[in-house]
Amino acid sequence: INVVYDPNRTMKFHVYGDFDIDNRGEAQVSDRRRVETLIERWGGRLADQLSFDVDFLVLGEEPPLPQPPPQNVVDPTAIAAYVEAQRNYETYQQLIGEARNLNIPILNQNRF
């Protein structure tokens, strides 16, 4: 008998990042939507943000730490891409820290 298991309880998941479910070698946003669909199909709920009532954090592939563009680059597209990549990296790392502080299990693509 498992005194913790409750078949009537709905697990809550926060999903972040891009996944490579089909092992194509490139993480994609569409695979994240597939992960979210699977969670809902299996009876779970999705959380918009990480909080104390989330049961699992599901993370996609870790984004690489972006290299800043050279000082002489004034291309707004390159600067915007760098800012977005930096934001994704920082958010990923911040979520890991918050999950650890809240004792929320972290699942990567393989463990999910």
PDB file of N, CA and C in Angstrom:
ATOM      1  N   ILE A   1       0.852  -1.174   0.000  1.00  0.00           N
ATOM      2  CA  ILE A   1       0.000   0.000   0.000  1.00  0.00           C
ATOM      3  C   ILE A   1       0.890   1.226   0.000  1.00  0.00           C
ATOM      4  N   ASN A   2       0.581   2.174  -0.869  1.00  0.00           N
ATOM      5  CA  ASN A   2       1.298   3.439  -0.937  1.00  0.00           C
ATOM      6  C   ASN A   2       0.404   4.504  -0.301  1.00  0.00           C
ATOM      7  N   VAL A   3       0.782   4.997   0.874  1.00  0.00           N
ATOM      8  CA  VAL A   3      -0.050   5.964   1.583  1.00  0.00           C
ATOM      9  C   VAL A   3      -0.001   7.351   0.944  1.00  0.00           C
ATOM     10  N   VAL A   4       0.964   7.596   0.076  1.00  0.00           N
ATOM     11  CA  VAL A   4       1.089   8.905  -0.565  1.00  0.00           C
ATOM     12  C   VAL A   4       0.303   8.966  -1.864  1.00  0.00           C
ATOM     13  N   TYR A   5       0.203   7.856  -2.581  1.00  0.00           N
ATOM     14  CA  TYR A   5      -0.453   7.829  -3.886  1.00  0.00           C
ATOM     15  C   TYR A   5      -1.942   8.075  -3.756  1.00  0.00           C
ATOM     16  N   ASP A   6      -2.459   8.961  -4.563  1.00  0.00           N
ATOM     17  CA  ASP A   6      -3.892   9.245  -4.598  1.00  0.00           C
ATOM     18  C   ASP A   6      -4.325   9.256  -6.054  1.00  0.00           C
ATOM     19  N   PRO A   7      -5.107   8.263  -6.501  1.00  0.00           N
ATOM     20  CA  PRO A   7      -5.504   8.206  -7.903  1.00  0.00           C
ATOM     21  C   PRO A   7      -6.397   9.372  -8.318  1.00  0.00           C
ATOM     22  N   ASN A   8      -6.954  10.092  -7.367  1.00  0.00           N
ATOM     23  CA  ASN A   8      -7.830  11.221  -7.684  1.00  0.00           C
ATOM     24  C   ASN A   8      -7.084  12.545  -7.728  1.00  0.00           C
ATOM     25  N   ARG A   9      -5.811  12.534  -7.423  1.00  0.00           N
ATOM     26  CA  ARG A   9      -5.013  13.760  -7.425  1.00  0.00           C
ATOM     27  C   ARG A   9      -4.470  14.025  -8.823  1.00  0.00           C
ATOM     28  N   THR A  10      -4.572  15.256  -9.235  1.00  0.00           N
ATOM     29  CA  THR A  10      -4.036  15.677 -10.527  1.00  0.00           C
ATOM     30  C   THR A  10      -2.680  16.328 -10.314  1.00  0.00           C
ATOM     31  N   MET A  11      -1.682  15.825 -11.006  1.00  0.00           N
ATOM     32  CA  MET A  11      -0.327  16.384 -10.901  1.00  0.00           C
ATOM     33  C   MET A  11      -0.244  17.668 -11.724  1.00  0.00           C
ATOM     34  N   LYS A  12       0.559  18.591 -11.228  1.00  0.00           N
ATOM     35  CA  LYS A  12       0.726  19.883 -11.882  1.00  0.00           C
ATOM     36  C   LYS A  12       2.167  19.997 -12.368  1.00  0.00           C
ATOM     37  N   PHE A  13       2.345  20.406 -13.625  1.00  0.00           N
ATOM     38  CA  PHE A  13       3.645  20.475 -14.282  1.00  0.00           C
ATOM     39  C   PHE A  13       3.901  21.883 -14.808  1.00  0.00           C
ATOM     40  N   HIS A  14       5.147  22.306 -14.689  1.00  0.00           N
ATOM     41  CA  HIS A  14       5.588  23.520 -15.374  1.00  0.00           C
ATOM     42  C   HIS A  14       6.612  23.074 -16.416  1.00  0.00           C
ATOM     43  N   VAL A  15       6.375  23.444 -17.667  1.00  0.00           N
ATOM     44  CA  VAL A  15       7.236  23.026 -18.773  1.00  0.00           C
ATOM     45  C   VAL A  15       7.961  24.250 -19.310  1.00  0.00           C
ATOM     46  N   TYR A  16       9.285  24.108 -19.516  1.00  0.00           N
ATOM     47  CA  TYR A  16      10.067  25.207 -20.064  1.00  0.00           C
ATOM     48  C   TYR A  16      11.135  24.661 -21.004  1.00  0.00           C
ATOM     49  N   GLY A  17      11.361  25.381 -22.071  1.00  0.00           N
ATOM     50  CA  GLY A  17      12.448  25.054 -22.985  1.00  0.00           C
ATOM     51  C   GLY A  17      11.972  24.365 -24.240  1.00  0.00           C
ATOM     52  N   ASP A  18      12.935  24.043 -25.079  1.00  0.00           N
ATOM     53  CA  ASP A  18      12.674  23.349 -26.335  1.00  0.00           C
ATOM     54  C   ASP A  18      13.139  21.902 -26.199  1.00  0.00           C
ATOM     55  N   PHE A  19      12.409  20.995 -26.826  1.00  0.00           N
ATOM     56  CA  PHE A  19      12.668  19.565 -26.711  1.00  0.00           C
ATOM     57  C   PHE A  19      13.011  18.982 -28.075  1.00  0.00           C
ATOM     58  N   ASP A  20      13.657  17.835 -28.068  1.00  0.00           N
ATOM     59  CA  ASP A  20      13.974  17.083 -29.275  1.00  0.00           C
ATOM     60  C   ASP A  20      13.446  15.663 -29.077  1.00  0.00           C
ATOM     61  N   ILE A  21      12.145  15.518 -29.151  1.00  0.00           N
ATOM     62  CA  ILE A  21      11.498  14.234 -28.861  1.00  0.00           C
ATOM     63  C   ILE A  21      11.878  13.160 -29.877  1.00  0.00           C
ATOM     64  N   ASP A  22      11.959  13.523 -31.117  1.00  0.00           N
ATOM     65  CA  ASP A  22      12.251  12.545 -32.170  1.00  0.00           C
ATOM     66  C   ASP A  22      13.743  12.344 -32.412  1.00  0.00           C
ATOM     67  N   ASN A  23      14.586  12.935 -31.586  1.00  0.00           N
ATOM     68  CA  ASN A  23      16.041  12.827 -31.717  1.00  0.00           C
ATOM     69  C   ASN A  23      16.540  13.210 -33.108  1.00  0.00           C
ATOM     70  N   ARG A  24      16.072  14.346 -33.589  1.00  0.00           N
ATOM     71  CA  ARG A  24      16.500  14.869 -34.882  1.00  0.00           C
ATOM     72  C   ARG A  24      17.809  15.641 -34.781  1.00  0.00           C
ATOM     73  N   GLY A  25      18.236  15.910 -33.549  1.00  0.00           N
ATOM     74  CA  GLY A  25      19.464  16.662 -33.355  1.00  0.00           C
ATOM     75  C   GLY A  25      19.242  18.144 -33.182  1.00  0.00           C
ATOM     76  N   GLU A  26      17.986  18.583 -33.186  1.00  0.00           N
ATOM     77  CA  GLU A  26      17.687  19.999 -33.028  1.00  0.00           C
ATOM     78  C   GLU A  26      16.425  20.145 -32.192  1.00  0.00           C
ATOM     79  N   ALA A  27      16.534  20.890 -31.086  1.00  0.00           N
ATOM     80  CA  ALA A  27      15.375  21.140 -30.229  1.00  0.00           C
ATOM     81  C   ALA A  27      14.428  22.108 -30.931  1.00  0.00           C
ATOM     82  N   GLN A  28      13.130  21.868 -30.744  1.00  0.00           N
ATOM     83  CA  GLN A  28      12.136  22.690 -31.419  1.00  0.00           C
ATOM     84  C   GLN A  28      10.998  23.030 -30.471  1.00  0.00           C
ATOM     85  N   VAL A  29      10.378  24.187 -30.709  1.00  0.00           N
ATOM     86  CA  VAL A  29       9.242  24.623 -29.913  1.00  0.00           C
ATOM     87  C   VAL A  29       8.058  23.680 -30.120  1.00  0.00           C
ATOM     88  N   SER A  30       7.892  23.137 -31.311  1.00  0.00           N
ATOM     89  CA  SER A  30       6.756  22.241 -31.583  1.00  0.00           C
ATOM     90  C   SER A  30       6.814  20.995 -30.701  1.00  0.00           C
ATOM     91  N   ASP A  31       8.024  20.539 -30.378  1.00  0.00           N
ATOM     92  CA  ASP A  31       8.143  19.382 -29.490  1.00  0.00           C
ATOM     93  C   ASP A  31       7.734  19.743 -28.064  1.00  0.00           C
ATOM     94  N   ARG A  32       7.930  20.980 -27.678  1.00  0.00           N
ATOM     95  CA  ARG A  32       7.442  21.425 -26.357  1.00  0.00           C
ATOM     96  C   ARG A  32       5.928  21.331 -26.308  1.00  0.00           C
ATOM     97  N   ARG A  33       5.275  21.740 -27.365  1.00  0.00           N
ATOM     98  CA  ARG A  33       3.812  21.636 -27.407  1.00  0.00           C
ATOM     99  C   ARG A  33       3.362  20.184 -27.336  1.00  0.00           C
ATOM    100  N   ARG A  34       4.138  19.290 -27.921  1.00  0.00           N
ATOM    101  CA  ARG A  34       3.819  17.856 -27.836  1.00  0.00           C
ATOM    102  C   ARG A  34       3.930  17.361 -26.398  1.00  0.00           C
ATOM    103  N   VAL A  35       4.953  17.807 -25.677  1.00  0.00           N
ATOM    104  CA  VAL A  35       5.123  17.433 -24.272  1.00  0.00           C
ATOM    105  C   VAL A  35       3.932  17.934 -23.460  1.00  0.00           C
ATOM    106  N   GLU A  36       3.545  19.182 -23.683  1.00  0.00           N
ATOM    107  CA  GLU A  36       2.403  19.744 -22.961  1.00  0.00           C
ATOM    108  C   GLU A  36       1.116  18.988 -23.279  1.00  0.00           C
ATOM    109  N   THR A  37       0.939  18.604 -24.527  1.00  0.00           N
ATOM    110  CA  THR A  37      -0.237  17.834 -24.922  1.00  0.00           C
ATOM    111  C   THR A  37      -0.251  16.467 -24.238  1.00  0.00           C
ATOM    112  N   LEU A  38       0.911  15.820 -24.157  1.00  0.00           N
ATOM    113  CA  LEU A  38       0.998  14.523 -23.485  1.00  0.00           C
ATOM    114  C   LEU A  38       0.632  14.645 -22.010  1.00  0.00           C
ATOM    115  N   ILE A  39       1.107  15.681 -21.357  1.00  0.00           N
ATOM    116  CA  ILE A  39       0.789  15.884 -19.939  1.00  0.00           C
ATOM    117  C   ILE A  39      -0.714  16.007 -19.750  1.00  0.00           C
ATOM    118  N   GLU A  40      -1.338  16.818 -20.572  1.00  0.00           N
ATOM    119  CA  GLU A  40      -2.788  16.995 -20.450  1.00  0.00           C
ATOM    120  C   GLU A  40      -3.545  15.725 -20.804  1.00  0.00           C
ATOM    121  N   ARG A  41      -3.089  15.006 -21.810  1.00  0.00           N
ATOM    122  CA  ARG A  41      -3.742  13.769 -22.219  1.00  0.00           C
ATOM    123  C   ARG A  41      -3.674  12.716 -21.106  1.00  0.00           C
ATOM    124  N   TRP A  42      -2.581  12.708 -20.366  1.00  0.00           N
ATOM    125  CA  TRP A  42      -2.385  11.742 -19.287  1.00  0.00           C
ATOM    126  C   TRP A  42      -3.010  12.204 -17.968  1.00  0.00           C
ATOM    127  N   GLY A  43      -3.741  13.337 -18.006  1.00  0.00           N
ATOM    128  CA  GLY A  43      -4.471  13.785 -16.828  1.00  0.00           C
ATOM    129  C   GLY A  43      -3.770  14.825 -15.982  1.00  0.00           C
ATOM    130  N   GLY A  44      -2.628  15.319 -16.420  1.00  0.00           N
ATOM    131  CA  GLY A  44      -1.918  16.345 -15.663  1.00  0.00           C
ATOM    132  C   GLY A  44      -2.421  17.733 -16.021  1.00  0.00           C
ATOM    133  N   ARG A  45      -2.019  18.702 -15.219  1.00  0.00           N
ATOM    134  CA  ARG A  45      -2.347  20.102 -15.496  1.00  0.00           C
ATOM    135  C   ARG A  45      -1.064  20.876 -15.711  1.00  0.00           C
ATOM    136  N   LEU A  46      -1.145  21.915 -16.530  1.00  0.00           N
ATOM    137  CA  LEU A  46       0.011  22.762 -16.809  1.00  0.00           C
ATOM    138  C   LEU A  46      -0.055  24.020 -15.955  1.00  0.00           C
ATOM    139  N   ALA A  47       1.093  24.428 -15.441  1.00  0.00           N
ATOM    140  CA  ALA A  47       1.200  25.655 -14.657  1.00  0.00           C
ATOM    141  C   ALA A  47       1.941  26.699 -15.483  1.00  0.00           C
ATOM    142  N   ASP A  48       1.448  27.928 -15.449  1.00  0.00           N
ATOM    143  CA  ASP A  48       2.091  29.010 -16.196  1.00  0.00           C
ATOM    144  C   ASP A  48       3.423  29.435 -15.587  1.00  0.00           C
ATOM    145  N   GLN A  49       3.546  29.244 -14.285  1.00  0.00           N
ATOM    146  CA  GLN A  49       4.792  29.619 -13.617  1.00  0.00           C
ATOM    147  C   GLN A  49       5.105  28.617 -12.521  1.00  0.00           C
ATOM    148  N   LEU A  50       6.345  28.623 -12.096  1.00  0.00           N
ATOM    149  CA  LEU A  50       6.793  27.705 -11.060  1.00  0.00           C
ATOM    150  C   LEU A  50       6.388  28.268  -9.694  1.00  0.00           C
ATOM    151  N   SER A  51       5.720  27.442  -8.891  1.00  0.00           N
ATOM    152  CA  SER A  51       5.308  27.859  -7.555  1.00  0.00           C
ATOM    153  C   SER A  51       5.303  26.640  -6.651  1.00  0.00           C
ATOM    154  N   PHE A  52       5.009  26.854  -5.394  1.00  0.00           N
ATOM    155  CA  PHE A  52       5.069  25.780  -4.404  1.00  0.00           C
ATOM    156  C   PHE A  52       4.104  24.634  -4.691  1.00  0.00           C
ATOM    157  N   ASP A  53       3.021  24.893  -5.437  1.00  0.00           N
ATOM    158  CA  ASP A  53       2.040  23.840  -5.685  1.00  0.00           C
ATOM    159  C   ASP A  53       2.287  23.056  -6.978  1.00  0.00           C
ATOM    160  N   VAL A  54       3.403  23.305  -7.638  1.00  0.00           N
ATOM    161  CA  VAL A  54       3.779  22.551  -8.836  1.00  0.00           C
ATOM    162  C   VAL A  54       4.457  21.253  -8.388  1.00  0.00           C
ATOM    163  N   ASP A  55       4.068  20.148  -9.004  1.00  0.00           N
ATOM    164  CA  ASP A  55       4.625  18.848  -8.628  1.00  0.00           C
ATOM    165  C   ASP A  55       5.918  18.525  -9.360  1.00  0.00           C
ATOM    166  N   PHE A  56       6.053  18.961 -10.628  1.00  0.00           N
ATOM    167  CA  PHE A  56       7.236  18.637 -11.422  1.00  0.00           C
ATOM    168  C   PHE A  56       7.590  19.801 -12.337  1.00  0.00           C
ATOM    169  N   LEU A  57       8.889  20.028 -12.503  1.00  0.00           N
ATOM    170  CA  LEU A  57       9.410  20.957 -13.500  1.00  0.00           C
ATOM    171  C   LEU A  57       9.982  20.110 -14.625  1.00  0.00           C
ATOM    172  N   VAL A  58       9.479  20.304 -15.832  1.00  0.00           N
ATOM    173  CA  VAL A  58       9.956  19.555 -16.995  1.00  0.00           C
ATOM    174  C   VAL A  58      10.757  20.526 -17.857  1.00  0.00           C
ATOM    175  N   LEU A  59      12.060  20.248 -17.993  1.00  0.00           N
ATOM    176  CA  LEU A  59      12.945  21.140 -18.736  1.00  0.00           C
ATOM    177  C   LEU A  59      13.397  20.511 -20.043  1.00  0.00           C
ATOM    178  N   GLY A  60      13.405  21.336 -21.087  1.00  0.00           N
ATOM    179  CA  GLY A  60      13.948  20.915 -22.366  1.00  0.00           C
ATOM    180  C   GLY A  60      15.467  20.995 -22.331  1.00  0.00           C
ATOM    181  N   GLU A  61      16.060  21.010 -23.497  1.00  0.00           N
ATOM    182  CA  GLU A  61      17.516  21.093 -23.591  1.00  0.00           C
ATOM    183  C   GLU A  61      18.003  22.425 -23.036  1.00  0.00           C
ATOM    184  N   GLU A  62      19.132  22.365 -22.339  1.00  0.00           N
ATOM    185  CA  GLU A  62      19.690  23.585 -21.764  1.00  0.00           C
ATOM    186  C   GLU A  62      20.192  24.499 -22.874  1.00  0.00           C
ATOM    187  N   PRO A  63      19.734  25.754 -22.876  1.00  0.00           N
ATOM    188  CA  PRO A  63      20.228  26.674 -23.900  1.00  0.00           C
ATOM    189  C   PRO A  63      21.692  27.008 -23.645  1.00  0.00           C
ATOM    190  N   PRO A  64      22.476  27.173 -24.702  1.00  0.00           N
ATOM    191  CA  PRO A  64      23.886  27.508 -24.518  1.00  0.00           C
ATOM    192  C   PRO A  64      24.041  28.943 -24.015  1.00  0.00           C
ATOM    193  N   LEU A  65      25.106  29.175 -23.284  1.00  0.00           N
ATOM    194  CA  LEU A  65      25.417  30.533 -22.844  1.00  0.00           C
ATOM    195  C   LEU A  65      25.866  31.324 -24.071  1.00  0.00           C
ATOM    196  N   PRO A  66      25.112  32.362 -24.437  1.00  0.00           N
ATOM    197  CA  PRO A  66      25.459  33.093 -25.669  1.00  0.00           C
ATOM    198  C   PRO A  66      26.684  33.980 -25.481  1.00  0.00           C
ATOM    199  N   GLN A  67      27.438  34.114 -26.539  1.00  0.00           N
ATOM    200  CA  GLN A  67      28.585  35.015 -26.555  1.00  0.00           C
ATOM    201  C   GLN A  67      28.094  36.403 -26.983  1.00  0.00           C
ATOM    202  N   PRO A  68      28.479  37.449 -26.264  1.00  0.00           N
ATOM    203  CA  PRO A  68      28.018  38.784 -26.647  1.00  0.00           C
ATOM    204  C   PRO A  68      28.571  39.182 -28.011  1.00  0.00           C
ATOM    205  N   PRO A  69      27.803  39.949 -28.752  1.00  0.00           N
ATOM    206  CA  PRO A  69      28.310  40.397 -30.057  1.00  0.00           C
ATOM    207  C   PRO A  69      29.484  41.362 -29.854  1.00  0.00           C
ATOM    208  N   PRO A  70      30.381  41.433 -30.822  1.00  0.00           N
ATOM    209  CA  PRO A  70      31.511  42.379 -30.709  1.00  0.00           C
ATOM    210  C   PRO A  70      31.011  43.808 -30.522  1.00  0.00           C
ATOM    211  N   GLN A  71      31.835  44.621 -29.898  1.00  0.00           N
ATOM    212  CA  GLN A  71      31.455  46.002 -29.585  1.00  0.00           C
ATOM    213  C   GLN A  71      31.083  46.813 -30.827  1.00  0.00           C
ATOM    214  N   ASN A  72      31.708  46.506 -31.968  1.00  0.00           N
ATOM    215  CA  ASN A  72      31.460  47.304 -33.174  1.00  0.00           C
ATOM    216  C   ASN A  72      30.210  46.853 -33.939  1.00  0.00           C
ATOM    217  N   VAL A  73      29.505  45.833 -33.465  1.00  0.00           N
ATOM    218  CA  VAL A  73      28.292  45.365 -34.142  1.00  0.00           C
ATOM    219  C   VAL A  73      27.125  46.265 -33.749  1.00  0.00           C
ATOM    220  N   VAL A  74      26.454  46.805 -34.768  1.00  0.00           N
ATOM    221  CA  VAL A  74      25.305  47.673 -34.535  1.00  0.00           C
ATOM    222  C   VAL A  74      24.039  47.111 -35.181  1.00  0.00           C
ATOM    223  N   ASP A  75      24.119  45.888 -35.642  1.00  0.00           N
ATOM    224  CA  ASP A  75      22.968  45.243 -36.271  1.00  0.00           C
ATOM    225  C   ASP A  75      21.908  44.955 -35.207  1.00  0.00           C
ATOM    226  N   PRO A  76      20.737  45.590 -35.306  1.00  0.00           N
ATOM    227  CA  PRO A  76      19.708  45.389 -34.282  1.00  0.00           C
ATOM    228  C   PRO A  76      19.201  43.942 -34.210  1.00  0.00           C
ATOM    229  N   THR A  77      19.232  43.239 -35.312  1.00  0.00           N
ATOM    230  CA  THR A  77      18.788  41.842 -35.317  1.00  0.00           C
ATOM    231  C   THR A  77      19.753  40.976 -34.510  1.00  0.00           C
ATOM    232  N   ALA A  78      21.052  41.179 -34.682  1.00  0.00           N
ATOM    233  CA  ALA A  78      22.055  40.412 -33.938  1.00  0.00           C
ATOM    234  C   ALA A  78      21.985  40.732 -32.452  1.00  0.00           C
ATOM    235  N   ILE A  79      21.776  41.989 -32.122  1.00  0.00           N
ATOM    236  CA  ILE A  79      21.678  42.384 -30.719  1.00  0.00           C
ATOM    237  C   ILE A  79      20.425  41.797 -30.089  1.00  0.00           C
ATOM    238  N   ALA A  80      19.308  41.836 -30.806  1.00  0.00           N
ATOM    239  CA  ALA A  80      18.058  41.268 -30.296  1.00  0.00           C
ATOM    240  C   ALA A  80      18.180  39.761 -30.106  1.00  0.00           C
ATOM    241  N   ALA A  81      18.852  39.084 -31.033  1.00  0.00           N
ATOM    242  CA  ALA A  81      19.043  37.632 -30.908  1.00  0.00           C
ATOM    243  C   ALA A  81      19.887  37.313 -29.678  1.00  0.00           C
ATOM    244  N   TYR A  82      20.919  38.121 -29.427  1.00  0.00           N
ATOM    245  CA  TYR A  82      21.759  37.919 -28.247  1.00  0.00           C
ATOM    246  C   TYR A  82      20.956  38.130 -26.967  1.00  0.00           C
ATOM    247  N   VAL A  83      20.176  39.191 -26.919  1.00  0.00           N
ATOM    248  CA  VAL A  83      19.370  39.491 -25.729  1.00  0.00           C
ATOM    249  C   VAL A  83      18.381  38.360 -25.465  1.00  0.00           C
ATOM    250  N   GLU A  84      17.741  37.858 -26.490  1.00  0.00           N
ATOM    251  CA  GLU A  84      16.787  36.750 -26.348  1.00  0.00           C
ATOM    252  C   GLU A  84      17.483  35.477 -25.872  1.00  0.00           C
ATOM    253  N   ALA A  85      18.631  35.167 -26.434  1.00  0.00           N
ATOM    254  CA  ALA A  85      19.379  33.973 -26.022  1.00  0.00           C
ATOM    255  C   ALA A  85      19.847  34.101 -24.577  1.00  0.00           C
ATOM    256  N   GLN A  86      20.280  35.280 -24.184  1.00  0.00           N
ATOM    257  CA  GLN A  86      20.717  35.521 -22.805  1.00  0.00           C
ATOM    258  C   GLN A  86      19.531  35.368 -21.846  1.00  0.00           C
ATOM    259  N   ARG A  87      18.379  35.886 -22.231  1.00  0.00           N
ATOM    260  CA  ARG A  87      17.184  35.777 -21.398  1.00  0.00           C
ATOM    261  C   ARG A  87      16.777  34.319 -21.229  1.00  0.00           C
ATOM    262  N   ASN A  88      16.806  33.534 -22.315  1.00  0.00           N
ATOM    263  CA  ASN A  88      16.458  32.109 -22.245  1.00  0.00           C
ATOM    264  C   ASN A  88      17.410  31.353 -21.321  1.00  0.00           C
ATOM    265  N   TYR A  89      18.701  31.637 -21.438  1.00  0.00           N
ATOM    266  CA  TYR A  89      19.694  30.971 -20.595  1.00  0.00           C
ATOM    267  C   TYR A  89      19.463  31.308 -19.120  1.00  0.00           C
ATOM    268  N   GLU A  90      19.274  32.582 -18.824  1.00  0.00           N
ATOM    269  CA  GLU A  90      19.081  33.010 -17.437  1.00  0.00           C
ATOM    270  C   GLU A  90      17.789  32.448 -16.852  1.00  0.00           C
ATOM    271  N   THR A  91      16.719  32.416 -17.637  1.00  0.00           N
ATOM    272  CA  THR A  91      15.449  31.863 -17.158  1.00  0.00           C
ATOM    273  C   THR A  91      15.588  30.384 -16.850  1.00  0.00           C
ATOM    274  N   TYR A  92      16.265  29.649 -17.704  1.00  0.00           N
ATOM    275  CA  TYR A  92      16.490  28.216 -17.501  1.00  0.00           C
ATOM    276  C   TYR A  92      17.230  27.975 -16.182  1.00  0.00           C
ATOM    277  N   GLN A  93      18.314  28.729 -15.967  1.00  0.00           N
ATOM    278  CA  GLN A  93      19.097  28.574 -14.747  1.00  0.00           C
ATOM    279  C   GLN A  93      18.298  28.995 -13.515  1.00  0.00           C
ATOM    280  N   GLN A  94      17.521  30.048 -13.650  1.00  0.00           N
ATOM    281  CA  GLN A  94      16.701  30.532 -12.539  1.00  0.00           C
ATOM    282  C   GLN A  94      15.648  29.496 -12.152  1.00  0.00           C
ATOM    283  N   LEU A  95      15.027  28.858 -13.124  1.00  0.00           N
ATOM    284  CA  LEU A  95      14.032  27.827 -12.834  1.00  0.00           C
ATOM    285  C   LEU A  95      14.647  26.644 -12.093  1.00  0.00           C
ATOM    286  N   ILE A  96      15.850  26.255 -12.463  1.00  0.00           N
ATOM    287  CA  ILE A  96      16.528  25.163 -11.758  1.00  0.00           C
ATOM    288  C   ILE A  96      16.734  25.546 -10.293  1.00  0.00           C
ATOM    289  N   GLY A  97      17.200  26.757 -10.044  1.00  0.00           N
ATOM    290  CA  GLY A  97      17.421  27.222  -8.680  1.00  0.00           C
ATOM    291  C   GLY A  97      16.133  27.280  -7.871  1.00  0.00           C
ATOM    292  N   GLU A  98      15.068  27.812  -8.473  1.00  0.00           N
ATOM    293  CA  GLU A  98      13.784  27.895  -7.777  1.00  0.00           C
ATOM    294  C   GLU A  98      13.235  26.505  -7.466  1.00  0.00           C
ATOM    295  N   ALA A  99      13.341  25.581  -8.420  1.00  0.00           N
ATOM    296  CA  ALA A  99      12.836  24.223  -8.199  1.00  0.00           C
ATOM    297  C   ALA A  99      13.596  23.561  -7.054  1.00  0.00           C
ATOM    298  N   ARG A 100      14.886  23.744  -7.000  1.00  0.00           N
ATOM    299  CA  ARG A 100      15.679  23.162  -5.909  1.00  0.00           C
ATOM    300  C   ARG A 100      15.286  23.769  -4.568  1.00  0.00           C
ATOM    301  N   ASN A 101      15.072  25.086  -4.536  1.00  0.00           N
ATOM    302  CA  ASN A 101      14.667  25.744  -3.299  1.00  0.00           C
ATOM    303  C   ASN A 101      13.294  25.270  -2.828  1.00  0.00           C
ATOM    304  N   LEU A 102      12.405  24.976  -3.763  1.00  0.00           N
ATOM    305  CA  LEU A 102      11.053  24.528  -3.432  1.00  0.00           C
ATOM    306  C   LEU A 102      10.943  23.003  -3.335  1.00  0.00           C
ATOM    307  N   ASN A 103      12.063  22.304  -3.532  1.00  0.00           N
ATOM    308  CA  ASN A 103      12.086  20.825  -3.517  1.00  0.00           C
ATOM    309  C   ASN A 103      11.130  20.220  -4.547  1.00  0.00           C
ATOM    310  N   ILE A 104      11.123  20.808  -5.726  1.00  0.00           N
ATOM    311  CA  ILE A 104      10.306  20.310  -6.832  1.00  0.00           C
ATOM    312  C   ILE A 104      11.201  19.440  -7.711  1.00  0.00           C
ATOM    313  N   PRO A 105      10.798  18.199  -7.968  1.00  0.00           N
ATOM    314  CA  PRO A 105      11.605  17.334  -8.842  1.00  0.00           C
ATOM    315  C   PRO A 105      11.722  17.924 -10.248  1.00  0.00           C
ATOM    316  N   ILE A 106      12.923  17.815 -10.810  1.00  0.00           N
ATOM    317  CA  ILE A 106      13.194  18.322 -12.157  1.00  0.00           C
ATOM    318  C   ILE A 106      13.302  17.131 -13.096  1.00  0.00           C
ATOM    319  N   LEU A 107      12.503  17.154 -14.153  1.00  0.00           N
ATOM    320  CA  LEU A 107      12.540  16.096 -15.154  1.00  0.00           C
ATOM    321  C   LEU A 107      13.092  16.667 -16.447  1.00  0.00           C
ATOM    322  N   ASN A 108      14.063  15.966 -17.037  1.00  0.00           N
ATOM    323  CA  ASN A 108      14.507  16.363 -18.360  1.00  0.00           C
ATOM    324  C   ASN A 108      13.711  15.534 -19.381  1.00  0.00           C
ATOM    325  N   GLN A 109      14.036  15.709 -20.622  1.00  0.00           N
ATOM    326  CA  GLN A 109      13.297  15.016 -21.679  1.00  0.00           C
ATOM    327  C   GLN A 109      13.350  13.504 -21.491  1.00  0.00           C
ATOM    328  N   ASN A 110      14.486  12.944 -21.134  1.00  0.00           N
ATOM    329  CA  ASN A 110      14.617  11.503 -20.983  1.00  0.00           C
ATOM    330  C   ASN A 110      13.844  10.975 -19.788  1.00  0.00           C
ATOM    331  N   ARG A 111      13.873  11.675 -18.678  1.00  0.00           N
ATOM    332  CA  ARG A 111      13.161  11.219 -17.483  1.00  0.00           C
ATOM    333  C   ARG A 111      11.661  11.390 -17.624  1.00  0.00           C
ATOM    334  N   PHE A 112      11.239  12.373 -18.414  1.00  0.00           N
ATOM    335  CA  PHE A 112       9.817  12.591 -18.623  1.00  0.00           C
ATOM    336  C   PHE A 112       9.235  11.405 -19.371  1.00  0.00           C
TER     337      PHE A 112
END
